[in-house]
């Protein structure tokens, strides 16, 4: 099982760029890129809170998806 962030989907739904998300959250474009591409191994609570606020998320399930391992 793998837990992934749905940032790319949320960006597409709003027609936002990663750069715009970085600007409104105050996070670096590098961090947003790493999170959007699921390259980050750890997620800071502060970064996730800023992203949740920016997207107006009220249900944490909107931010994450759980995928089964291909075995």
N, C-alpha and C. Protein backbone atom coordinates (compact mmCIF):
# COMPACT_ATOMS: atom_id res chain seq x y z
N UNK A 1 0.84 -1.17 0.00
CA UNK A 1 0.00 0.00 0.00
C UNK A 1 0.89 1.24 0.00
N UNK A 2 0.49 2.22 -0.81
CA UNK A 2 1.21 3.49 -0.88
C UNK A 2 0.23 4.64 -0.69
N UNK A 3 0.64 5.62 0.08
CA UNK A 3 -0.16 6.82 0.28
C UNK A 3 0.43 7.92 -0.58
N UNK A 4 -0.40 8.53 -1.42
CA UNK A 4 0.07 9.58 -2.30
C UNK A 4 -0.76 10.84 -2.10
N UNK A 5 -0.12 11.96 -2.35
CA UNK A 5 -0.83 13.24 -2.33
C UNK A 5 -1.52 13.45 -3.68
N UNK A 6 -2.67 14.09 -3.65
CA UNK A 6 -3.43 14.36 -4.87
C UNK A 6 -3.25 15.81 -5.35
N UNK A 7 -2.09 16.39 -5.10
CA UNK A 7 -1.88 17.79 -5.43
C UNK A 7 -2.05 18.06 -6.92
N UNK A 8 -1.52 17.19 -7.77
CA UNK A 8 -1.66 17.41 -9.22
C UNK A 8 -3.13 17.45 -9.63
N UNK A 9 -3.93 16.57 -9.08
CA UNK A 9 -5.36 16.54 -9.39
C UNK A 9 -6.03 17.82 -8.92
N UNK A 10 -5.73 18.22 -7.70
CA UNK A 10 -6.33 19.43 -7.14
C UNK A 10 -5.91 20.67 -7.92
N UNK A 11 -4.67 20.72 -8.37
CA UNK A 11 -4.21 21.83 -9.19
C UNK A 11 -4.97 21.86 -10.51
N UNK A 12 -5.10 20.72 -11.15
CA UNK A 12 -5.80 20.63 -12.43
C UNK A 12 -7.27 21.04 -12.30
N UNK A 13 -7.91 20.61 -11.22
CA UNK A 13 -9.32 20.96 -10.99
C UNK A 13 -9.52 22.47 -10.89
N UNK A 14 -8.51 23.16 -10.41
CA UNK A 14 -8.62 24.61 -10.21
C UNK A 14 -7.92 25.41 -11.30
N UNK A 15 -7.26 24.69 -12.21
CA UNK A 15 -6.47 25.32 -13.26
C UNK A 15 -5.37 26.21 -12.67
N UNK A 16 -4.73 25.69 -11.62
CA UNK A 16 -3.63 26.38 -10.94
C UNK A 16 -2.31 25.74 -11.37
N UNK A 17 -1.24 26.50 -11.26
CA UNK A 17 0.09 25.96 -11.49
C UNK A 17 0.75 25.66 -10.14
N UNK A 18 1.80 24.88 -10.19
CA UNK A 18 2.57 24.63 -8.97
C UNK A 18 3.17 25.93 -8.46
N UNK A 19 3.58 26.78 -9.38
CA UNK A 19 4.16 28.07 -9.00
C UNK A 19 3.14 28.92 -8.25
N UNK A 20 1.90 28.93 -8.72
CA UNK A 20 0.85 29.70 -8.05
C UNK A 20 0.61 29.15 -6.64
N UNK A 21 0.54 27.83 -6.51
CA UNK A 21 0.34 27.23 -5.20
C UNK A 21 1.48 27.61 -4.26
N UNK A 22 2.69 27.60 -4.77
CA UNK A 22 3.85 28.00 -3.97
C UNK A 22 3.71 29.44 -3.50
N UNK A 23 3.27 30.31 -4.40
CA UNK A 23 3.11 31.73 -4.06
C UNK A 23 2.07 31.95 -2.97
N UNK A 24 0.92 31.29 -3.09
CA UNK A 24 -0.15 31.54 -2.11
C UNK A 24 0.07 30.84 -0.78
N UNK A 25 0.92 29.82 -0.77
CA UNK A 25 1.20 29.12 0.49
C UNK A 25 2.47 29.62 1.16
N UNK A 26 3.33 30.28 0.39
CA UNK A 26 4.62 30.71 0.92
C UNK A 26 5.63 29.59 0.96
N UNK A 27 5.31 28.47 0.32
CA UNK A 27 6.23 27.33 0.27
C UNK A 27 7.09 27.45 -0.99
N UNK A 28 8.22 26.78 -1.02
CA UNK A 28 9.09 26.86 -2.18
C UNK A 28 8.50 26.07 -3.35
N UNK A 29 8.84 26.50 -4.55
CA UNK A 29 8.37 25.77 -5.73
C UNK A 29 8.97 24.37 -5.76
N UNK A 30 10.17 24.23 -5.23
CA UNK A 30 10.82 22.91 -5.17
C UNK A 30 10.02 21.96 -4.27
N UNK A 31 9.60 22.45 -3.11
CA UNK A 31 8.81 21.61 -2.20
C UNK A 31 7.48 21.25 -2.83
N UNK A 32 6.81 22.21 -3.44
CA UNK A 32 5.52 21.93 -4.09
C UNK A 32 5.72 20.89 -5.18
N UNK A 33 6.76 21.02 -5.97
CA UNK A 33 7.05 20.05 -7.02
C UNK A 33 7.29 18.66 -6.44
N UNK A 34 8.10 18.58 -5.40
CA UNK A 34 8.37 17.29 -4.76
C UNK A 34 7.09 16.66 -4.21
N UNK A 35 6.24 17.46 -3.59
CA UNK A 35 4.98 16.95 -3.05
C UNK A 35 4.03 16.54 -4.17
N UNK A 36 3.91 17.38 -5.20
CA UNK A 36 2.99 17.10 -6.30
C UNK A 36 3.39 15.84 -7.07
N UNK A 37 4.69 15.59 -7.15
CA UNK A 37 5.18 14.41 -7.87
C UNK A 37 5.46 13.23 -6.95
N UNK A 38 5.02 13.36 -5.70
CA UNK A 38 5.16 12.29 -4.70
C UNK A 38 6.60 11.81 -4.56
N UNK A 39 7.52 12.76 -4.58
CA UNK A 39 8.94 12.45 -4.37
C UNK A 39 9.35 12.65 -2.91
N UNK A 40 8.54 13.37 -2.15
CA UNK A 40 8.87 13.64 -0.75
C UNK A 40 8.57 12.40 0.08
N UNK A 41 9.50 12.03 0.94
CA UNK A 41 9.29 10.87 1.81
C UNK A 41 8.56 11.26 3.10
N UNK A 42 8.75 12.51 3.50
CA UNK A 42 8.11 13.03 4.70
C UNK A 42 7.34 14.28 4.35
N UNK A 43 6.22 14.50 5.04
CA UNK A 43 5.42 15.69 4.83
C UNK A 43 5.39 16.49 6.12
N UNK A 44 5.82 17.74 6.07
CA UNK A 44 5.76 18.54 7.30
C UNK A 44 4.32 18.96 7.55
N UNK A 45 3.94 18.97 8.80
CA UNK A 45 2.59 19.36 9.19
C UNK A 45 2.31 20.79 8.72
N UNK A 46 3.28 21.68 8.86
CA UNK A 46 3.12 23.07 8.46
C UNK A 46 2.83 23.18 6.97
N UNK A 47 3.58 22.47 6.15
CA UNK A 47 3.38 22.52 4.70
C UNK A 47 2.01 21.98 4.33
N UNK A 48 1.62 20.85 4.92
CA UNK A 48 0.31 20.27 4.62
C UNK A 48 -0.82 21.20 5.05
N UNK A 49 -0.67 21.85 6.19
CA UNK A 49 -1.70 22.78 6.65
C UNK A 49 -1.86 23.94 5.67
N UNK A 50 -0.75 24.47 5.17
CA UNK A 50 -0.81 25.57 4.21
C UNK A 50 -1.48 25.14 2.91
N UNK A 51 -1.19 23.94 2.48
CA UNK A 51 -1.80 23.41 1.25
C UNK A 51 -3.30 23.17 1.46
N UNK A 52 -3.66 22.61 2.59
CA UNK A 52 -5.07 22.37 2.90
C UNK A 52 -5.85 23.68 2.92
N UNK A 53 -5.29 24.70 3.53
CA UNK A 53 -5.94 26.01 3.58
C UNK A 53 -6.07 26.60 2.18
N UNK A 54 -5.00 26.53 1.39
CA UNK A 54 -5.02 27.09 0.04
C UNK A 54 -6.10 26.45 -0.83
N UNK A 55 -6.25 25.14 -0.72
CA UNK A 55 -7.24 24.43 -1.52
C UNK A 55 -8.64 24.48 -0.89
N UNK A 56 -8.75 24.92 0.34
CA UNK A 56 -10.04 24.95 1.02
C UNK A 56 -10.57 23.56 1.33
N UNK A 57 -9.65 22.68 1.64
CA UNK A 57 -10.02 21.28 1.92
C UNK A 57 -10.66 21.17 3.30
N UNK A 58 -11.80 20.49 3.34
CA UNK A 58 -12.48 20.25 4.62
C UNK A 58 -12.48 18.77 5.00
N UNK A 59 -12.11 17.92 4.06
CA UNK A 59 -12.02 16.48 4.31
C UNK A 59 -10.63 16.03 3.87
N UNK A 60 -9.83 15.56 4.80
CA UNK A 60 -8.44 15.19 4.52
C UNK A 60 -8.35 14.15 3.41
N UNK A 61 -9.40 13.38 3.18
CA UNK A 61 -9.40 12.39 2.11
C UNK A 61 -9.30 13.03 0.73
N UNK A 62 -9.58 14.32 0.62
CA UNK A 62 -9.43 15.02 -0.65
C UNK A 62 -7.95 15.18 -1.02
N UNK A 63 -7.08 15.15 -0.03
CA UNK A 63 -5.66 15.41 -0.24
C UNK A 63 -4.85 14.14 -0.51
N UNK A 64 -5.32 13.01 -0.01
CA UNK A 64 -4.56 11.77 -0.12
C UNK A 64 -5.31 10.71 -0.90
N UNK A 65 -4.57 9.80 -1.50
CA UNK A 65 -5.13 8.62 -2.12
C UNK A 65 -4.27 7.43 -1.67
N UNK A 66 -4.91 6.32 -1.43
CA UNK A 66 -4.20 5.10 -1.06
C UNK A 66 -4.23 4.15 -2.25
N UNK A 67 -3.05 3.71 -2.66
CA UNK A 67 -2.92 2.79 -3.79
C UNK A 67 -2.39 1.45 -3.31
N UNK A 68 -2.92 0.41 -3.88
CA UNK A 68 -2.43 -0.93 -3.56
C UNK A 68 -1.11 -1.17 -4.27
N UNK A 69 -0.23 -1.93 -3.65
CA UNK A 69 1.03 -2.30 -4.29
C UNK A 69 0.75 -3.25 -5.44
N UNK A 70 1.51 -3.13 -6.51
CA UNK A 70 1.39 -4.03 -7.66
C UNK A 70 2.22 -5.27 -7.42
N UNK A 71 1.64 -6.24 -6.77
CA UNK A 71 2.35 -7.49 -6.49
C UNK A 71 1.55 -8.66 -6.92
